[in-house]
PDB file of all heavy atoms in Angstrom:
ATOM      1  N   VAL A   1      14.502  -3.500  15.463  1.00  0.00           N
ATOM      2  CA  VAL A   1      13.315  -4.323  15.739  1.00  0.00           C
ATOM      3  C   VAL A   1      12.909  -4.186  17.199  1.00  0.00           C
ATOM      4  O   VAL A   1      11.724  -4.014  17.525  1.00  0.00           O
ATOM      5  CB  VAL A   1      13.601  -5.795  15.375  1.00  0.00           C
ATOM      6  CG1 VAL A   1      12.464  -6.686  15.868  1.00  0.00           C
ATOM      7  CG2 VAL A   1      13.782  -5.944  13.887  1.00  0.00           C
ATOM      8  N   LEU A   2      13.875  -4.266  18.108  1.00  0.00           N
ATOM      9  CA  LEU A   2      13.570  -4.133  19.528  1.00  0.00           C
ATOM     10  C   LEU A   2      13.045  -2.745  19.866  1.00  0.00           C
ATOM     11  O   LEU A   2      12.117  -2.591  20.666  1.00  0.00           O
ATOM     12  CB  LEU A   2      14.830  -4.445  20.352  1.00  0.00           C
ATOM     13  CG  LEU A   2      15.318  -5.895  20.300  1.00  0.00           C
ATOM     14  CD1 LEU A   2      16.644  -6.031  21.040  1.00  0.00           C
ATOM     15  CD2 LEU A   2      14.266  -6.837  20.892  1.00  0.00           C
ATOM     16  N   PHE A   3      13.646  -1.753  19.253  1.00  0.00           N
ATOM     17  CA  PHE A   3      13.217  -0.373  19.516  1.00  0.00           C
ATOM     18  C   PHE A   3      11.769  -0.147  19.087  1.00  0.00           C
ATOM     19  O   PHE A   3      10.968   0.430  19.822  1.00  0.00           O
ATOM     20  CB  PHE A   3      14.156   0.584  18.783  1.00  0.00           C
ATOM     21  CG  PHE A   3      13.813   2.032  18.970  1.00  0.00           C
ATOM     22  CD1 PHE A   3      14.068   2.677  20.177  1.00  0.00           C
ATOM     23  CD2 PHE A   3      13.221   2.759  17.940  1.00  0.00           C
ATOM     24  CE1 PHE A   3      13.744   4.017  20.363  1.00  0.00           C
ATOM     25  CE2 PHE A   3      12.898   4.088  18.127  1.00  0.00           C
ATOM     26  CZ  PHE A   3      13.157   4.719  19.327  1.00  0.00           C
ATOM     27  N   VAL A   4      11.436  -0.607  17.890  1.00  0.00           N
ATOM     28  CA  VAL A   4      10.075  -0.435  17.378  1.00  0.00           C
ATOM     29  C   VAL A   4       9.087  -1.275  18.167  1.00  0.00           C
ATOM     30  O   VAL A   4       7.970  -0.842  18.488  1.00  0.00           O
ATOM     31  CB  VAL A   4      10.035  -0.805  15.874  1.00  0.00           C
ATOM     32  CG1 VAL A   4       8.599  -0.848  15.374  1.00  0.00           C
ATOM     33  CG2 VAL A   4      10.845   0.192  15.067  1.00  0.00           C
ATOM     34  N   LYS A   5       9.496  -2.490  18.537  1.00  0.00           N
ATOM     35  CA  LYS A   5       8.596  -3.404  19.240  1.00  0.00           C
ATOM     36  C   LYS A   5       8.250  -2.911  20.632  1.00  0.00           C
ATOM     37  O   LYS A   5       7.136  -3.121  21.122  1.00  0.00           O
ATOM     38  CB  LYS A   5       9.254  -4.778  19.304  1.00  0.00           C
ATOM     39  CG  LYS A   5       8.354  -5.854  19.900  1.00  0.00           C
ATOM     40  CD  LYS A   5       9.028  -7.205  19.853  1.00  0.00           C
ATOM     41  CE  LYS A   5       8.105  -8.283  20.445  1.00  0.00           C
ATOM     42  NZ  LYS A   5       8.755  -9.619  20.417  1.00  0.00           N
ATOM     43  N   ASN A   6       9.174  -2.229  21.305  1.00  0.00           N
ATOM     44  CA  ASN A   6       8.970  -1.818  22.690  1.00  0.00           C
ATOM     45  C   ASN A   6       8.561  -0.356  22.841  1.00  0.00           C
ATOM     46  O   ASN A   6       8.493   0.145  23.972  1.00  0.00           O
ATOM     47  CB  ASN A   6      10.242  -2.075  23.494  1.00  0.00           C
ATOM     48  CG  ASN A   6      10.554  -3.563  23.608  1.00  0.00           C
ATOM     49  OD1 ASN A   6       9.762  -4.331  24.130  1.00  0.00           O
ATOM     50  ND2 ASN A   6      11.699  -3.962  23.078  1.00  0.00           N
ATOM     51  N   ASN A   7       8.321   0.342  21.753  1.00  0.00           N
ATOM     52  CA  ASN A   7       7.877   1.733  21.808  1.00  0.00           C
ATOM     53  C   ASN A   7       6.645   1.904  20.920  1.00  0.00           C
ATOM     54  O   ASN A   7       6.716   1.732  19.696  1.00  0.00           O
ATOM     55  CB  ASN A   7       8.983   2.684  21.339  1.00  0.00           C
ATOM     56  CG  ASN A   7      10.156   2.725  22.305  1.00  0.00           C
ATOM     57  OD1 ASN A   7      10.167   3.487  23.260  1.00  0.00           O
ATOM     58  ND2 ASN A   7      11.155   1.874  22.041  1.00  0.00           N
ATOM     59  N   SER A   8       5.513   2.191  21.566  1.00  0.00           N
ATOM     60  CA  SER A   8       4.236   2.237  20.838  1.00  0.00           C
ATOM     61  C   SER A   8       4.210   3.317  19.767  1.00  0.00           C
ATOM     62  O   SER A   8       3.671   3.123  18.678  1.00  0.00           O
ATOM     63  CB  SER A   8       3.077   2.456  21.821  1.00  0.00           C
ATOM     64  OG  SER A   8       3.277   3.660  22.552  1.00  0.00           O
ATOM     65  N   PHE A   9       4.804   4.478  20.040  1.00  0.00           N
ATOM     66  CA  PHE A   9       4.772   5.566  19.060  1.00  0.00           C
ATOM     67  C   PHE A   9       5.549   5.185  17.806  1.00  0.00           C
ATOM     68  O   PHE A   9       5.069   5.365  16.690  1.00  0.00           O
ATOM     69  CB  PHE A   9       5.361   6.833  19.678  1.00  0.00           C
ATOM     70  CG  PHE A   9       5.452   7.982  18.693  1.00  0.00           C
ATOM     71  CD1 PHE A   9       4.319   8.706  18.337  1.00  0.00           C
ATOM     72  CD2 PHE A   9       6.671   8.314  18.115  1.00  0.00           C
ATOM     73  CE1 PHE A   9       4.396   9.752  17.436  1.00  0.00           C
ATOM     74  CE2 PHE A   9       6.758   9.356  17.203  1.00  0.00           C
ATOM     75  CZ  PHE A   9       5.628  10.077  16.863  1.00  0.00           C
ATOM     76  N   GLN A  10       6.785   4.652  18.018  1.00  0.00           N
ATOM     77  CA  GLN A  10       7.586   4.253  16.862  1.00  0.00           C
ATOM     78  C   GLN A  10       6.935   3.090  16.112  1.00  0.00           C
ATOM     79  O   GLN A  10       6.979   3.034  14.900  1.00  0.00           O
ATOM     80  CB  GLN A  10       9.003   3.861  17.309  1.00  0.00           C
ATOM     81  CG  GLN A  10       9.913   5.029  17.632  1.00  0.00           C
ATOM     82  CD  GLN A  10       9.570   5.664  18.971  1.00  0.00           C
ATOM     83  OE1 GLN A  10       8.820   5.101  19.760  1.00  0.00           O
ATOM     84  NE2 GLN A  10      10.136   6.842  19.221  1.00  0.00           N
ATOM     85  N   ARG A  11       6.311   2.165  16.872  1.00  0.00           N
ATOM     86  CA  ARG A  11       5.641   1.043  16.220  1.00  0.00           C
ATOM     87  C   ARG A  11       4.489   1.528  15.346  1.00  0.00           C
ATOM     88  O   ARG A  11       4.303   1.088  14.215  1.00  0.00           O
ATOM     89  CB  ARG A  11       5.129   0.056  17.265  1.00  0.00           C
ATOM     90  CG  ARG A  11       4.488  -1.194  16.645  1.00  0.00           C
ATOM     91  CD  ARG A  11       4.217  -2.286  17.666  1.00  0.00           C
ATOM     92  NE  ARG A  11       3.282  -1.849  18.701  1.00  0.00           N
ATOM     93  CZ  ARG A  11       3.606  -1.577  19.951  1.00  0.00           C
ATOM     94  NH1 ARG A  11       4.880  -1.664  20.339  1.00  0.00           N
ATOM     95  NH2 ARG A  11       2.695  -1.198  20.831  1.00  0.00           N
ATOM     96  N   ALA A  12       3.715   2.488  15.855  1.00  0.00           N
ATOM     97  CA  ALA A  12       2.601   3.045  15.072  1.00  0.00           C
ATOM     98  C   ALA A  12       3.116   3.786  13.841  1.00  0.00           C
ATOM     99  O   ALA A  12       2.522   3.700  12.759  1.00  0.00           O
ATOM    100  CB  ALA A  12       1.773   3.987  15.942  1.00  0.00           C
ATOM    101  N   SER A  13       4.227   4.491  13.995  1.00  0.00           N
ATOM    102  CA  SER A  13       4.797   5.217  12.853  1.00  0.00           C
ATOM    103  C   SER A  13       5.249   4.263  11.764  1.00  0.00           C
ATOM    104  O   SER A  13       5.011   4.490  10.567  1.00  0.00           O
ATOM    105  CB  SER A  13       5.969   6.089  13.323  1.00  0.00           C
ATOM    106  OG  SER A  13       5.550   7.036  14.274  1.00  0.00           O
ATOM    107  N   VAL A  14       5.927   3.185  12.187  1.00  0.00           N
ATOM    108  CA  VAL A  14       6.408   2.208  11.207  1.00  0.00           C
ATOM    109  C   VAL A  14       5.246   1.523  10.499  1.00  0.00           C
ATOM    110  O   VAL A  14       5.239   1.333   9.279  1.00  0.00           O
ATOM    111  CB  VAL A  14       7.320   1.171  11.893  1.00  0.00           C
ATOM    112  CG1 VAL A  14       7.628   0.017  10.940  1.00  0.00           C
ATOM    113  CG2 VAL A  14       8.607   1.835  12.352  1.00  0.00           C
ATOM    114  N   LEU A  15       4.232   1.138  11.283  1.00  0.00           N
ATOM    115  CA  LEU A  15       3.068   0.495  10.675  1.00  0.00           C
ATOM    116  C   LEU A  15       2.356   1.418   9.701  1.00  0.00           C
ATOM    117  O   LEU A  15       1.902   0.997   8.635  1.00  0.00           O
ATOM    118  CB  LEU A  15       2.099   0.028  11.772  1.00  0.00           C
ATOM    119  CG  LEU A  15       2.576  -1.148  12.632  1.00  0.00           C
ATOM    120  CD1 LEU A  15       1.584  -1.421  13.756  1.00  0.00           C
ATOM    121  CD2 LEU A  15       2.751  -2.405  11.769  1.00  0.00           C
ATOM    122  N   ASN A  16       2.261   2.697  10.077  1.00  0.00           N
ATOM    123  CA  ASN A  16       1.620   3.675   9.196  1.00  0.00           C
ATOM    124  C   ASN A  16       2.392   3.832   7.895  1.00  0.00           C
ATOM    125  O   ASN A  16       1.817   3.883   6.807  1.00  0.00           O
ATOM    126  CB  ASN A  16       1.501   5.013   9.912  1.00  0.00           C
ATOM    127  CG  ASN A  16       0.754   6.044   9.093  1.00  0.00           C
ATOM    128  OD1 ASN A  16      -0.353   5.798   8.631  1.00  0.00           O
ATOM    129  ND2 ASN A  16       1.354   7.202   8.903  1.00  0.00           N
ATOM    130  N   SER A  17       3.732   3.895   8.032  1.00  0.00           N
ATOM    131  CA  SER A  17       4.561   4.002   6.826  1.00  0.00           C
ATOM    132  C   SER A  17       4.434   2.756   5.964  1.00  0.00           C
ATOM    133  O   SER A  17       4.351   2.842   4.737  1.00  0.00           O
ATOM    134  CB  SER A  17       6.025   4.228   7.221  1.00  0.00           C
ATOM    135  OG  SER A  17       6.165   5.417   7.970  1.00  0.00           O
ATOM    136  N   SER A  18       4.393   1.600   6.598  1.00  0.00           N
ATOM    137  CA  SER A  18       4.249   0.348   5.853  1.00  0.00           C
ATOM    138  C   SER A  18       2.919   0.297   5.123  1.00  0.00           C
ATOM    139  O   SER A  18       2.834  -0.116   3.962  1.00  0.00           O
ATOM    140  CB  SER A  18       4.375  -0.843   6.805  1.00  0.00           C
ATOM    141  OG  SER A  18       5.623  -0.833   7.460  1.00  0.00           O
ATOM    142  N   ASN A  19       1.869   0.748   5.823  1.00  0.00           N
ATOM    143  CA  ASN A  19       0.546   0.760   5.191  1.00  0.00           C
ATOM    144  C   ASN A  19       0.512   1.692   3.985  1.00  0.00           C
ATOM    145  O   ASN A  19      -0.134   1.396   2.971  1.00  0.00           O
ATOM    146  CB  ASN A  19      -0.517   1.181   6.201  1.00  0.00           C
ATOM    147  CG  ASN A  19      -0.779   0.101   7.239  1.00  0.00           C
ATOM    148  OD1 ASN A  19      -0.521  -1.068   6.986  1.00  0.00           O
ATOM    149  ND2 ASN A  19      -1.266   0.503   8.404  1.00  0.00           N
ATOM    150  N   GLN A  20       1.200   2.833   4.109  1.00  0.00           N
ATOM    151  CA  GLN A  20       1.246   3.764   2.988  1.00  0.00           C
ATOM    152  C   GLN A  20       1.966   3.145   1.798  1.00  0.00           C
ATOM    153  O   GLN A  20       1.526   3.276   0.648  1.00  0.00           O
ATOM    154  CB  GLN A  20       1.939   5.053   3.414  1.00  0.00           C
ATOM    155  CG  GLN A  20       1.110   5.920   4.346  1.00  0.00           C
ATOM    156  CD  GLN A  20       1.813   7.219   4.695  1.00  0.00           C
ATOM    157  OE1 GLN A  20       2.950   7.444   4.282  1.00  0.00           O
ATOM    158  NE2 GLN A  20       1.146   8.069   5.441  1.00  0.00           N
ATOM    159  N   ILE A  21       3.069   2.468   2.072  1.00  0.00           N
ATOM    160  CA  ILE A  21       3.831   1.834   0.985  1.00  0.00           C
ATOM    161  C   ILE A  21       3.009   0.741   0.325  1.00  0.00           C
ATOM    162  O   ILE A  21       2.911   0.644  -0.902  1.00  0.00           O
ATOM    163  CB  ILE A  21       5.165   1.278   1.523  1.00  0.00           C
ATOM    164  CG1 ILE A  21       6.062   2.424   1.995  1.00  0.00           C
ATOM    165  CG2 ILE A  21       5.872   0.449   0.456  1.00  0.00           C
ATOM    166  CD1 ILE A  21       7.312   1.968   2.713  1.00  0.00           C
ATOM    167  N   VAL A  22       2.398  -0.118   1.170  1.00  0.00           N
ATOM    168  CA  VAL A  22       1.579  -1.207   0.622  1.00  0.00           C
ATOM    169  C   VAL A  22       0.382  -0.645  -0.136  1.00  0.00           C
ATOM    170  O   VAL A  22       0.018  -1.130  -1.222  1.00  0.00           O
ATOM    171  CB  VAL A  22       1.114  -2.136   1.759  1.00  0.00           C
ATOM    172  CG1 VAL A  22       0.125  -3.174   1.233  1.00  0.00           C
ATOM    173  CG2 VAL A  22       2.313  -2.844   2.386  1.00  0.00           C
ATOM    174  N   GLY A  23      -0.246   0.399   0.456  1.00  0.00           N
ATOM    175  CA  GLY A  23      -1.391   1.011  -0.224  1.00  0.00           C
ATOM    176  C   GLY A  23      -1.017   1.596  -1.575  1.00  0.00           C
ATOM    177  O   GLY A  23      -1.760   1.468  -2.553  1.00  0.00           O
ATOM    178  N   LYS A  24       0.140   2.234  -1.633  1.00  0.00           N
ATOM    179  CA  LYS A  24       0.610   2.800  -2.902  1.00  0.00           C
ATOM    180  C   LYS A  24       0.876   1.702  -3.924  1.00  0.00           C
ATOM    181  O   LYS A  24       0.564   1.853  -5.110  1.00  0.00           O
ATOM    182  CB  LYS A  24       1.884   3.618  -2.657  1.00  0.00           C
ATOM    183  CG  LYS A  24       2.338   4.428  -3.859  1.00  0.00           C
ATOM    184  CD  LYS A  24       1.340   5.500  -4.227  1.00  0.00           C
ATOM    185  CE  LYS A  24       1.835   6.347  -5.372  1.00  0.00           C
ATOM    186  NZ  LYS A  24       0.858   7.393  -5.751  1.00  0.00           N
ATOM    187  N   ALA A  25       1.432   0.591  -3.428  1.00  0.00           N
ATOM    188  CA  ALA A  25       1.698  -0.531  -4.334  1.00  0.00           C
ATOM    189  C   ALA A  25       0.397  -1.095  -4.882  1.00  0.00           C
ATOM    190  O   ALA A  25       0.272  -1.383  -6.083  1.00  0.00           O
ATOM    191  CB  ALA A  25       2.487  -1.614  -3.602  1.00  0.00           C
ATOM    192  N   TYR A  26      -0.607  -1.256  -3.986  1.00  0.00           N
ATOM    193  CA  TYR A  26      -1.913  -1.746  -4.441  1.00  0.00           C
ATOM    194  C   TYR A  26      -2.566  -0.773  -5.430  1.00  0.00           C
ATOM    195  O   TYR A  26      -3.205  -1.184  -6.400  1.00  0.00           O
ATOM    196  CB  TYR A  26      -2.840  -1.970  -3.249  1.00  0.00           C
ATOM    197  CG  TYR A  26      -2.612  -3.276  -2.523  1.00  0.00           C
ATOM    198  CD1 TYR A  26      -2.487  -3.307  -1.139  1.00  0.00           C
ATOM    199  CD2 TYR A  26      -2.515  -4.474  -3.211  1.00  0.00           C
ATOM    200  CE1 TYR A  26      -2.269  -4.493  -0.465  1.00  0.00           C
ATOM    201  CE2 TYR A  26      -2.303  -5.661  -2.548  1.00  0.00           C
ATOM    202  CZ  TYR A  26      -2.176  -5.672  -1.179  1.00  0.00           C
ATOM    203  OH  TYR A  26      -1.962  -6.848  -0.525  1.00  0.00           O
ATOM    204  N   GLU A  27      -2.423   0.519  -5.144  1.00  0.00           N
ATOM    205  CA  GLU A  27      -3.001   1.534  -6.023  1.00  0.00           C
ATOM    206  C   GLU A  27      -2.377   1.473  -7.418  1.00  0.00           C
ATOM    207  O   GLU A  27      -3.076   1.549  -8.429  1.00  0.00           O
ATOM    208  CB  GLU A  27      -2.791   2.918  -5.417  1.00  0.00           C
ATOM    209  CG  GLU A  27      -3.413   4.057  -6.235  1.00  0.00           C
ATOM    210  CD  GLU A  27      -3.158   5.410  -5.617  1.00  0.00           C
ATOM    211  OE1 GLU A  27      -2.591   5.469  -4.503  1.00  0.00           O
ATOM    212  OE2 GLU A  27      -3.511   6.420  -6.246  1.00  0.00           O
ATOM    213  N   THR A  28      -1.048   1.314  -7.462  1.00  0.00           N
ATOM    214  CA  THR A  28      -0.357   1.206  -8.745  1.00  0.00           C
ATOM    215  C   THR A  28      -0.780  -0.049  -9.493  1.00  0.00           C
ATOM    216  O   THR A  28      -1.039  -0.020 -10.701  1.00  0.00           O
ATOM    217  CB  THR A  28       1.165   1.197  -8.523  1.00  0.00           C
ATOM    218  OG1 THR A  28       1.544   2.385  -7.817  1.00  0.00           O
ATOM    219  CG2 THR A  28       1.903   1.139  -9.848  1.00  0.00           C
ATOM    220  N   ALA A  29      -0.866  -1.165  -8.758  1.00  0.00           N
ATOM    221  CA  ALA A  29      -1.279  -2.425  -9.391  1.00  0.00           C
ATOM    222  C   ALA A  29      -2.709  -2.327  -9.920  1.00  0.00           C
ATOM    223  O   ALA A  29      -3.029  -2.815 -11.011  1.00  0.00           O
ATOM    224  CB  ALA A  29      -1.165  -3.565  -8.388  1.00  0.00           C
ATOM    225  N   ASN A  30      -3.585  -1.672  -9.135  1.00  0.00           N
ATOM    226  CA  ASN A  30      -4.971  -1.511  -9.569  1.00  0.00           C
ATOM    227  C   ASN A  30      -5.067  -0.624 -10.800  1.00  0.00           C
ATOM    228  O   ASN A  30      -5.874  -0.884 -11.710  1.00  0.00           O
ATOM    229  CB  ASN A  30      -5.793  -0.902  -8.429  1.00  0.00           C
ATOM    230  CG  ASN A  30      -7.259  -0.775  -8.777  1.00  0.00           C
ATOM    231  OD1 ASN A  30      -7.940  -1.759  -9.018  1.00  0.00           O
ATOM    232  ND2 ASN A  30      -7.747   0.452  -8.814  1.00  0.00           N
ATOM    233  N   TYR A  31      -4.237   0.430 -10.855  1.00  0.00           N
ATOM    234  CA  TYR A  31      -4.227   1.316 -12.021  1.00  0.00           C
ATOM    235  C   TYR A  31      -3.805   0.551 -13.275  1.00  0.00           C
ATOM    236  O   TYR A  31      -4.431   0.669 -14.328  1.00  0.00           O
ATOM    237  CB  TYR A  31      -3.280   2.477 -11.769  1.00  0.00           C
ATOM    238  CG  TYR A  31      -3.082   3.382 -12.972  1.00  0.00           C
ATOM    239  CD1 TYR A  31      -4.025   4.339 -13.322  1.00  0.00           C
ATOM    240  CD2 TYR A  31      -1.954   3.247 -13.779  1.00  0.00           C
ATOM    241  CE1 TYR A  31      -3.862   5.150 -14.429  1.00  0.00           C
ATOM    242  CE2 TYR A  31      -1.775   4.047 -14.889  1.00  0.00           C
ATOM    243  CZ  TYR A  31      -2.726   4.993 -15.209  1.00  0.00           C
ATOM    244  OH  TYR A  31      -2.549   5.783 -16.313  1.00  0.00           O
ATOM    245  N   LEU A  32      -2.742  -0.255 -13.138  1.00  0.00           N
ATOM    246  CA  LEU A  32      -2.281  -1.044 -14.284  1.00  0.00           C
ATOM    247  C   LEU A  32      -3.333  -2.050 -14.716  1.00  0.00           C
ATOM    248  O   LEU A  32      -3.577  -2.242 -15.909  1.00  0.00           O
ATOM    249  CB  LEU A  32      -0.976  -1.758 -13.924  1.00  0.00           C
ATOM    250  CG  LEU A  32       0.247  -0.861 -13.702  1.00  0.00           C
ATOM    251  CD1 LEU A  32       1.429  -1.684 -13.227  1.00  0.00           C
ATOM    252  CD2 LEU A  32       0.610  -0.112 -14.990  1.00  0.00           C
ATOM    253  N   ASN A  33      -3.979  -2.684 -13.740  1.00  0.00           N
ATOM    254  CA  ASN A  33      -5.018  -3.664 -14.059  1.00  0.00           C
ATOM    255  C   ASN A  33      -6.205  -2.993 -14.745  1.00  0.00           C
ATOM    256  O   ASN A  33      -6.775  -3.533 -15.710  1.00  0.00           O
ATOM    257  CB  ASN A  33      -5.479  -4.357 -12.780  1.00  0.00           C
ATOM    258  CG  ASN A  33      -6.476  -5.462 -13.058  1.00  0.00           C
ATOM    259  OD1 ASN A  33      -6.197  -6.413 -13.781  1.00  0.00           O
ATOM    260  ND2 ASN A  33      -7.653  -5.350 -12.464  1.00  0.00           N
ATOM    261  N   THR A  34      -6.571  -1.795 -14.264  1.00  0.00           N
ATOM    262  CA  THR A  34      -7.667  -1.046 -14.895  1.00  0.00           C
ATOM    263  C   THR A  34      -7.328  -0.663 -16.323  1.00  0.00           C
ATOM    264  O   THR A  34      -8.161  -0.768 -17.230  1.00  0.00           O
ATOM    265  CB  THR A  34      -7.974   0.225 -14.078  1.00  0.00           C
ATOM    266  OG1 THR A  34      -8.319  -0.152 -12.748  1.00  0.00           O
ATOM    267  CG2 THR A  34      -9.130   1.009 -14.692  1.00  0.00           C
ATOM    268  N   TYR A  35      -6.086  -0.234 -16.526  1.00  0.00           N
ATOM    269  CA  TYR A  35      -5.650   0.153 -17.876  1.00  0.00           C
ATOM    270  C   TYR A  35      -5.704  -1.030 -18.826  1.00  0.00           C
ATOM    271  O   TYR A  35      -6.160  -0.914 -19.971  1.00  0.00           O
ATOM    272  CB  TYR A  35      -4.237   0.718 -17.814  1.00  0.00           C
ATOM    273  CG  TYR A  35      -3.695   1.146 -19.158  1.00  0.00           C
ATOM    274  CD1 TYR A  35      -4.070   2.357 -19.730  1.00  0.00           C
ATOM    275  CD2 TYR A  35      -2.823   0.321 -19.864  1.00  0.00           C
ATOM    276  CE1 TYR A  35      -3.588   2.743 -20.964  1.00  0.00           C
ATOM    277  CE2 TYR A  35      -2.329   0.693 -21.099  1.00  0.00           C
ATOM    278  CZ  TYR A  35      -2.707   1.909 -21.642  1.00  0.00           C
ATOM    279  OH  TYR A  35      -2.232   2.281 -22.879  1.00  0.00           O
ATOM    280  N   LEU A  36      -5.257  -2.202 -18.353  1.00  0.00           N
ATOM    281  CA  LEU A  36      -5.233  -3.391 -19.211  1.00  0.00           C
ATOM    282  C   LEU A  36      -6.645  -3.886 -19.531  1.00  0.00           C
ATOM    283  O   LEU A  36      -6.847  -4.561 -20.538  1.00  0.00           O
ATOM    284  CB  LEU A  36      -4.440  -4.510 -18.522  1.00  0.00           C
ATOM    285  CG  LEU A  36      -2.934  -4.239 -18.355  1.00  0.00           C
ATOM    286  CD1 LEU A  36      -2.283  -5.352 -17.545  1.00  0.00           C
ATOM    287  CD2 LEU A  36      -2.246  -4.118 -19.717  1.00  0.00           C
ATOM    288  N   ASN A  37      -7.623  -3.532 -18.678  1.00  0.00           N
ATOM    289  CA  ASN A  37      -8.997  -3.992 -18.890  1.00  0.00           C
ATOM    290  C   ASN A  37      -9.896  -2.929 -19.505  1.00  0.00           C
ATOM    291  O   ASN A  37     -11.111  -3.070 -19.492  1.00  0.00           O
ATOM    292  CB  ASN A  37      -9.602  -4.452 -17.557  1.00  0.00           C
ATOM    293  CG  ASN A  37      -8.978  -5.738 -17.059  1.00  0.00           C
ATOM    294  OD1 ASN A  37      -8.814  -6.684 -17.822  1.00  0.00           O
ATOM    295  ND2 ASN A  37      -8.613  -5.785 -15.793  1.00  0.00           N
ATOM    296  N   LEU A  38      -9.293  -1.859 -20.047  1.00  0.00           N
ATOM    297  CA  LEU A  38     -10.096  -0.782 -20.627  1.00  0.00           C
ATOM    298  C   LEU A  38     -10.966  -1.271 -21.778  1.00  0.00           C
ATOM    299  O   LEU A  38     -12.105  -0.826 -21.947  1.00  0.00           O
ATOM    300  CB  LEU A  38      -9.174   0.346 -21.112  1.00  0.00           C
ATOM    301  CG  LEU A  38      -8.704   1.337 -20.046  1.00  0.00           C
ATOM    302  CD1 LEU A  38      -7.792   2.377 -20.667  1.00  0.00           C
ATOM    303  CD2 LEU A  38      -9.883   2.023 -19.374  1.00  0.00           C
ATOM    304  N   ALA A  39     -10.435  -2.183 -22.592  1.00  0.00           N
ATOM    305  CA  ALA A  39     -11.204  -2.680 -23.739  1.00  0.00           C
ATOM    306  C   ALA A  39     -12.474  -3.376 -23.280  1.00  0.00           C
ATOM    307  O   ALA A  39     -13.563  -3.164 -23.835  1.00  0.00           O
ATOM    308  CB  ALA A  39     -10.346  -3.635 -24.570  1.00  0.00           C
ATOM    309  N   VAL A  40     -12.377  -4.183 -22.221  1.00  0.00           N
ATOM    310  CA  VAL A  40     -13.551  -4.886 -21.687  1.00  0.00           C
ATOM    311  C   VAL A  40     -14.548  -3.889 -21.117  1.00  0.00           C
ATOM    312  O   VAL A  40     -15.759  -4.004 -21.322  1.00  0.00           O
ATOM    313  CB  VAL A  40     -13.114  -5.902 -20.611  1.00  0.00           C
ATOM    314  CG1 VAL A  40     -14.329  -6.583 -20.001  1.00  0.00           C
ATOM    315  CG2 VAL A  40     -12.175  -6.936 -21.213  1.00  0.00           C
ATOM    316  N   VAL A  41     -14.036  -2.883 -20.406  1.00  0.00           N
ATOM    317  CA  VAL A  41     -14.907  -1.863 -19.816  1.00  0.00           C
ATOM    318  C   VAL A  41     -15.633  -1.080 -20.907  1.00  0.00           C
ATOM    319  O   VAL A  41     -16.841  -0.828 -20.820  1.00  0.00           O
ATOM    320  CB  VAL A  41     -14.087  -0.900 -18.928  1.00  0.00           C
ATOM    321  CG1 VAL A  41     -14.951   0.266 -18.452  1.00  0.00           C
ATOM    322  CG2 VAL A  41     -13.517  -1.651 -17.733  1.00  0.00           C
ATOM    323  N   ASN A  42     -14.914  -0.715 -21.970  1.00  0.00           N
ATOM    324  CA  ASN A  42     -15.538   0.023 -23.077  1.00  0.00           C
ATOM    325  C   ASN A  42     -16.629  -0.794 -23.735  1.00  0.00           C
ATOM    326  O   ASN A  42     -17.693  -0.281 -24.088  1.00  0.00           O
ATOM    327  CB  ASN A  42     -14.483   0.415 -24.106  1.00  0.00           C
ATOM    328  CG  ASN A  42     -13.601   1.547 -23.627  1.00  0.00           C
ATOM    329  OD1 ASN A  42     -13.981   2.301 -22.746  1.00  0.00           O
ATOM    330  ND2 ASN A  42     -12.415   1.672 -24.193  1.00  0.00           N
ATOM    331  N   ASP A  43     -16.377  -2.099 -23.928  1.00  0.00           N
ATOM    332  CA  ASP A  43     -17.386  -2.966 -24.533  1.00  0.00           C
ATOM    333  C   ASP A  43     -18.649  -3.013 -23.680  1.00  0.00           C
ATOM    334  O   ASP A  43     -19.772  -2.933 -24.191  1.00  0.00           O
ATOM    335  CB  ASP A  43     -16.829  -4.387 -24.719  1.00  0.00           C
ATOM    336  CG  ASP A  43     -15.772  -4.455 -25.805  1.00  0.00           C
ATOM    337  OD1 ASP A  43     -15.719  -3.518 -26.626  1.00  0.00           O
ATOM    338  OD2 ASP A  43     -15.008  -5.430 -25.836  1.00  0.00           O
TER     339      ASP A  43
END
């Protein structure tokens, strides 16, 4: 925590990795939600 907090490059790398993980999670959740709502979309 101290290393990442006091080094801008490492902090940016960690944040970027976190954003990728969160983005992937949102993408997966959105895909599942879209799949479950296919019947409504087709109608």
